[in-house]
Amino acid sequence: MGLVLFSLSIISFGKSFRVGIDEEKPGELITTGVFAISRNPIYTAFGFILIGTFLILPNWLLLLYVFAGFWLFNRQVQLEEKSLKKIYGEEYEAYCKKVRKYL
């Protein structure tokens, strides 16, 4: 499920895909495809992958990895949202009201 969601996220991004946020040339705000369901489908996909890995090979070390991953994903999302609010303003605020952060 995580790999499918990740693939759909990349497809939805299209030519706008990049690593990080480019504040100088941000491009358009993507709100279609899986981004109409989740504001952060790539992080959600990685979360599913972490959980799936733990379910296949359950042990305390992987469980710790899952919790650390979720903490790091959430931290990164908070940083990115600050930047997106600055770049897109009201357009991003309206998008946030319509679409959940994760699922």
N, C-alpha and C. Protein backbone atom coordinates (compact mmCIF):
# COMPACT_ATOMS: atom_id res chain seq x y z
N MET A 1 0.83 -1.20 0.00
CA MET A 1 0.00 0.00 0.00
C MET A 1 0.88 1.26 0.00
N GLY A 2 1.95 1.22 0.80
CA GLY A 2 2.86 2.37 0.85
C GLY A 2 3.53 2.64 -0.47
N LEU A 3 3.95 1.59 -1.15
CA LEU A 3 4.62 1.77 -2.45
C LEU A 3 3.65 2.29 -3.50
N VAL A 4 2.41 1.83 -3.45
CA VAL A 4 1.40 2.32 -4.40
C VAL A 4 1.13 3.80 -4.15
N LEU A 5 0.94 4.17 -2.88
CA LEU A 5 0.69 5.57 -2.54
C LEU A 5 1.89 6.45 -2.92
N PHE A 6 3.09 5.96 -2.69
CA PHE A 6 4.29 6.70 -3.07
C PHE A 6 4.32 6.92 -4.59
N SER A 7 4.04 5.87 -5.36
CA SER A 7 4.04 5.98 -6.83
C SER A 7 2.99 6.98 -7.31
N LEU A 8 1.78 6.91 -6.73
CA LEU A 8 0.72 7.84 -7.11
C LEU A 8 1.09 9.28 -6.75
N SER A 9 1.81 9.44 -5.66
CA SER A 9 2.25 10.79 -5.25
C SER A 9 3.21 11.37 -6.27
N ILE A 10 4.15 10.58 -6.72
CA ILE A 10 5.12 11.04 -7.71
C ILE A 10 4.42 11.38 -9.02
N ILE A 11 3.45 10.55 -9.40
CA ILE A 11 2.68 10.82 -10.63
C ILE A 11 1.89 12.12 -10.47
N SER A 12 1.26 12.32 -9.32
CA SER A 12 0.48 13.55 -9.08
C SER A 12 1.36 14.79 -9.11
N PHE A 13 2.57 14.67 -8.60
CA PHE A 13 3.50 15.80 -8.62
C PHE A 13 3.85 16.20 -10.05
N GLY A 14 3.98 15.21 -10.91
CA GLY A 14 4.33 15.50 -12.30
C GLY A 14 5.66 16.22 -12.39
N LYS A 15 5.71 17.26 -13.20
CA LYS A 15 6.94 18.02 -13.42
C LYS A 15 7.30 18.90 -12.23
N SER A 16 6.38 19.03 -11.27
CA SER A 16 6.63 19.87 -10.10
C SER A 16 7.43 19.14 -9.02
N PHE A 17 7.75 17.85 -9.22
CA PHE A 17 8.46 17.09 -8.20
C PHE A 17 9.84 17.67 -7.96
N ARG A 18 10.20 17.81 -6.69
CA ARG A 18 11.52 18.27 -6.28
C ARG A 18 11.74 17.82 -4.84
N VAL A 19 12.96 17.84 -4.43
CA VAL A 19 13.29 17.53 -3.04
C VAL A 19 13.41 18.86 -2.32
N GLY A 20 12.66 19.03 -1.26
CA GLY A 20 12.67 20.30 -0.53
C GLY A 20 11.74 21.31 -1.18
N ILE A 21 11.77 22.51 -0.65
CA ILE A 21 10.90 23.58 -1.15
C ILE A 21 11.77 24.68 -1.74
N ASP A 22 11.46 25.03 -2.96
CA ASP A 22 12.18 26.09 -3.65
C ASP A 22 11.39 27.38 -3.47
N GLU A 23 11.83 28.22 -2.55
CA GLU A 23 11.10 29.45 -2.26
C GLU A 23 11.27 30.50 -3.35
N GLU A 24 12.31 30.38 -4.16
CA GLU A 24 12.54 31.35 -5.23
C GLU A 24 11.70 31.04 -6.47
N LYS A 25 11.57 29.78 -6.82
CA LYS A 25 10.76 29.35 -7.96
C LYS A 25 9.89 28.18 -7.53
N PRO A 26 8.84 28.47 -6.74
CA PRO A 26 8.08 27.37 -6.13
C PRO A 26 7.19 26.57 -7.08
N GLY A 27 6.82 27.10 -8.21
CA GLY A 27 5.90 26.39 -9.08
C GLY A 27 4.49 26.46 -8.52
N GLU A 28 3.60 25.68 -9.12
CA GLU A 28 2.20 25.73 -8.67
C GLU A 28 1.99 24.81 -7.48
N LEU A 29 0.98 25.13 -6.67
CA LEU A 29 0.59 24.30 -5.54
C LEU A 29 -0.19 23.10 -6.08
N ILE A 30 0.28 21.90 -5.81
CA ILE A 30 -0.38 20.68 -6.30
C ILE A 30 -1.47 20.28 -5.31
N THR A 31 -2.71 20.23 -5.79
CA THR A 31 -3.85 19.88 -4.94
C THR A 31 -4.72 18.79 -5.57
N THR A 32 -4.25 18.19 -6.65
CA THR A 32 -5.03 17.17 -7.35
C THR A 32 -4.39 15.79 -7.16
N GLY A 33 -5.03 14.77 -7.70
CA GLY A 33 -4.53 13.41 -7.54
C GLY A 33 -4.60 13.01 -6.08
N VAL A 34 -3.58 12.34 -5.58
CA VAL A 34 -3.58 11.93 -4.18
C VAL A 34 -3.44 13.12 -3.24
N PHE A 35 -3.00 14.27 -3.76
CA PHE A 35 -2.92 15.47 -2.94
C PHE A 35 -4.30 16.05 -2.63
N ALA A 36 -5.34 15.52 -3.25
CA ALA A 36 -6.71 15.90 -2.91
C ALA A 36 -7.20 15.10 -1.71
N ILE A 37 -6.46 14.06 -1.33
CA ILE A 37 -6.82 13.20 -0.20
C ILE A 37 -5.93 13.47 1.00
N SER A 38 -4.66 13.77 0.75
CA SER A 38 -3.67 14.00 1.80
C SER A 38 -2.73 15.12 1.36
N ARG A 39 -2.44 16.04 2.29
CA ARG A 39 -1.48 17.11 1.95
C ARG A 39 -0.05 16.58 1.91
N ASN A 40 0.16 15.42 2.49
CA ASN A 40 1.51 14.84 2.58
C ASN A 40 1.50 13.35 2.23
N PRO A 41 1.09 13.01 1.01
CA PRO A 41 0.98 11.59 0.68
C PRO A 41 2.31 10.84 0.64
N ILE A 42 3.40 11.53 0.36
CA ILE A 42 4.70 10.84 0.33
C ILE A 42 5.11 10.44 1.75
N TYR A 43 4.97 11.34 2.71
CA TYR A 43 5.29 10.98 4.09
C TYR A 43 4.33 9.91 4.61
N THR A 44 3.07 9.99 4.22
CA THR A 44 2.10 8.97 4.60
C THR A 44 2.50 7.62 4.02
N ALA A 45 2.94 7.62 2.77
CA ALA A 45 3.40 6.38 2.13
C ALA A 45 4.59 5.80 2.87
N PHE A 46 5.56 6.64 3.23
CA PHE A 46 6.71 6.16 3.99
C PHE A 46 6.29 5.59 5.34
N GLY A 47 5.27 6.21 5.95
CA GLY A 47 4.74 5.68 7.21
C GLY A 47 4.17 4.28 7.03
N PHE A 48 3.41 4.08 5.95
CA PHE A 48 2.87 2.75 5.66
C PHE A 48 4.00 1.74 5.41
N ILE A 49 5.03 2.18 4.72
CA ILE A 49 6.17 1.28 4.46
C ILE A 49 6.85 0.89 5.77
N LEU A 50 7.04 1.85 6.66
CA LEU A 50 7.65 1.53 7.97
C LEU A 50 6.79 0.55 8.76
N ILE A 51 5.49 0.79 8.79
CA ILE A 51 4.59 -0.11 9.52
C ILE A 51 4.60 -1.49 8.88
N GLY A 52 4.56 -1.53 7.55
CA GLY A 52 4.59 -2.82 6.85
C GLY A 52 5.86 -3.60 7.13
N THR A 53 6.98 -2.91 7.17
CA THR A 53 8.25 -3.56 7.49
C THR A 53 8.21 -4.15 8.90
N PHE A 54 7.67 -3.37 9.84
CA PHE A 54 7.55 -3.86 11.21
C PHE A 54 6.62 -5.08 11.28
N LEU A 55 5.52 -5.06 10.53
CA LEU A 55 4.59 -6.19 10.58
C LEU A 55 5.19 -7.46 9.97
N ILE A 56 6.07 -7.29 9.00
CA ILE A 56 6.74 -8.44 8.38
C ILE A 56 7.82 -8.99 9.31
N LEU A 57 8.59 -8.10 9.93
CA LEU A 57 9.70 -8.48 10.81
C LEU A 57 9.54 -7.81 12.17
N PRO A 58 8.56 -8.24 12.95
CA PRO A 58 8.31 -7.54 14.22
C PRO A 58 9.43 -7.74 15.25
N ASN A 59 10.02 -6.64 15.66
CA ASN A 59 10.96 -6.65 16.77
C ASN A 59 11.06 -5.24 17.33
N TRP A 60 11.62 -5.14 18.52
CA TRP A 60 11.63 -3.84 19.21
C TRP A 60 12.45 -2.79 18.48
N LEU A 61 13.50 -3.21 17.79
CA LEU A 61 14.33 -2.26 17.07
C LEU A 61 13.57 -1.61 15.91
N LEU A 62 12.83 -2.43 15.16
CA LEU A 62 12.02 -1.87 14.07
C LEU A 62 10.87 -1.02 14.60
N LEU A 63 10.32 -1.40 15.75
CA LEU A 63 9.27 -0.58 16.36
C LEU A 63 9.82 0.79 16.73
N LEU A 64 11.02 0.81 17.27
CA LEU A 64 11.68 2.08 17.58
C LEU A 64 11.89 2.89 16.30
N TYR A 65 12.27 2.22 15.24
CA TYR A 65 12.47 2.85 13.94
C TYR A 65 11.17 3.47 13.43
N VAL A 66 10.05 2.78 13.62
CA VAL A 66 8.74 3.30 13.21
C VAL A 66 8.43 4.59 13.96
N PHE A 67 8.60 4.57 15.28
CA PHE A 67 8.31 5.77 16.07
C PHE A 67 9.24 6.92 15.71
N ALA A 68 10.51 6.63 15.52
CA ALA A 68 11.46 7.68 15.13
C ALA A 68 11.10 8.24 13.76
N GLY A 69 10.72 7.37 12.84
CA GLY A 69 10.32 7.81 11.50
C GLY A 69 9.12 8.73 11.55
N PHE A 70 8.10 8.34 12.32
CA PHE A 70 6.91 9.18 12.42
C PHE A 70 7.23 10.53 13.04
N TRP A 71 8.09 10.55 14.05
CA TRP A 71 8.46 11.80 14.68
C TRP A 71 9.19 12.70 13.68
N LEU A 72 10.13 12.12 12.94
CA LEU A 72 10.89 12.89 11.95
C LEU A 72 10.01 13.38 10.80
N PHE A 73 9.10 12.53 10.33
CA PHE A 73 8.18 12.94 9.26
C PHE A 73 7.35 14.13 9.72
N ASN A 74 6.78 14.02 10.92
CA ASN A 74 5.92 15.09 11.42
C ASN A 74 6.71 16.39 11.59
N ARG A 75 7.93 16.28 12.08
CA ARG A 75 8.79 17.46 12.24
C ARG A 75 9.05 18.13 10.89
N GLN A 76 9.36 17.34 9.88
CA GLN A 76 9.62 17.87 8.55
C GLN A 76 8.37 18.51 7.95
N VAL A 77 7.22 17.88 8.14
CA VAL A 77 5.96 18.43 7.63
C VAL A 77 5.69 19.79 8.25
N GLN A 78 5.94 19.94 9.55
CA GLN A 78 5.72 21.23 10.20
C GLN A 78 6.61 22.31 9.59
N LEU A 79 7.87 21.97 9.33
CA LEU A 79 8.78 22.94 8.71
C LEU A 79 8.32 23.30 7.30
N GLU A 80 7.90 22.30 6.54
CA GLU A 80 7.46 22.56 5.17
C GLU A 80 6.18 23.38 5.14
N GLU A 81 5.26 23.11 6.08
CA GLU A 81 4.00 23.87 6.11
C GLU A 81 4.23 25.35 6.38
N LYS A 82 5.19 25.67 7.23
CA LYS A 82 5.51 27.09 7.48
C LYS A 82 5.94 27.75 6.18
N SER A 83 6.78 27.07 5.44
CA SER A 83 7.27 27.61 4.18
C SER A 83 6.14 27.72 3.15
N LEU A 84 5.30 26.71 3.07
CA LEU A 84 4.20 26.73 2.10
C LEU A 84 3.20 27.84 2.41
N LYS A 85 2.95 28.09 3.68
CA LYS A 85 2.06 29.20 4.06
C LYS A 85 2.65 30.54 3.62
N LYS A 86 3.97 30.66 3.76
CA LYS A 86 4.64 31.90 3.36
C LYS A 86 4.59 32.07 1.84
N ILE A 87 4.78 30.99 1.09
CA ILE A 87 4.83 31.06 -0.37
C ILE A 87 3.44 31.24 -0.98
N TYR A 88 2.48 30.41 -0.56
CA TYR A 88 1.17 30.37 -1.23
C TYR A 88 0.07 31.11 -0.48
N GLY A 89 0.30 31.50 0.75
CA GLY A 89 -0.65 32.31 1.50
C GLY A 89 -2.04 31.72 1.61
N GLU A 90 -3.02 32.50 1.20
CA GLU A 90 -4.43 32.11 1.33
C GLU A 90 -4.78 30.86 0.53
N GLU A 91 -4.13 30.67 -0.59
CA GLU A 91 -4.38 29.47 -1.40
C GLU A 91 -4.04 28.21 -0.59
N TYR A 92 -2.91 28.24 0.11
CA TYR A 92 -2.52 27.09 0.92
C TYR A 92 -3.43 26.95 2.13
N GLU A 93 -3.80 28.06 2.75
CA GLU A 93 -4.71 28.02 3.90
C GLU A 93 -6.05 27.37 3.52
N ALA A 94 -6.58 27.73 2.36
CA ALA A 94 -7.84 27.14 1.90
C ALA A 94 -7.67 25.64 1.63
N TYR A 95 -6.55 25.26 1.06
CA TYR A 95 -6.24 23.85 0.81
C TYR A 95 -6.17 23.08 2.13
N CYS A 96 -5.55 23.67 3.15
CA CYS A 96 -5.45 23.02 4.46
C CYS A 96 -6.82 22.79 5.09
N LYS A 97 -7.74 23.68 4.84
CA LYS A 97 -9.09 23.53 5.40
C LYS A 97 -9.86 22.40 4.73
N LYS A 98 -9.52 22.09 3.48
CA LYS A 98 -10.22 21.05 2.71
C LYS A 98 -9.59 19.66 2.84
N VAL A 99 -8.28 19.62 3.00
CA VAL A 99 -7.56 18.33 2.94
C VAL A 99 -6.78 18.09 4.22
N ARG A 100 -6.86 16.87 4.74
CA ARG A 100 -6.15 16.52 5.96
C ARG A 100 -4.64 16.49 5.77
N LYS A 101 -3.95 16.63 6.87
CA LYS A 101 -2.48 16.63 6.83
C LYS A 101 -1.93 15.28 6.37
N TYR A 102 -2.47 14.20 6.88
CA TYR A 102 -2.00 12.86 6.48
C TYR A 102 -3.15 12.09 5.84
N LEU A 103 -3.96 11.43 6.63
CA LEU A 103 -5.14 10.71 6.08
C LEU A 103 -6.37 11.00 6.88
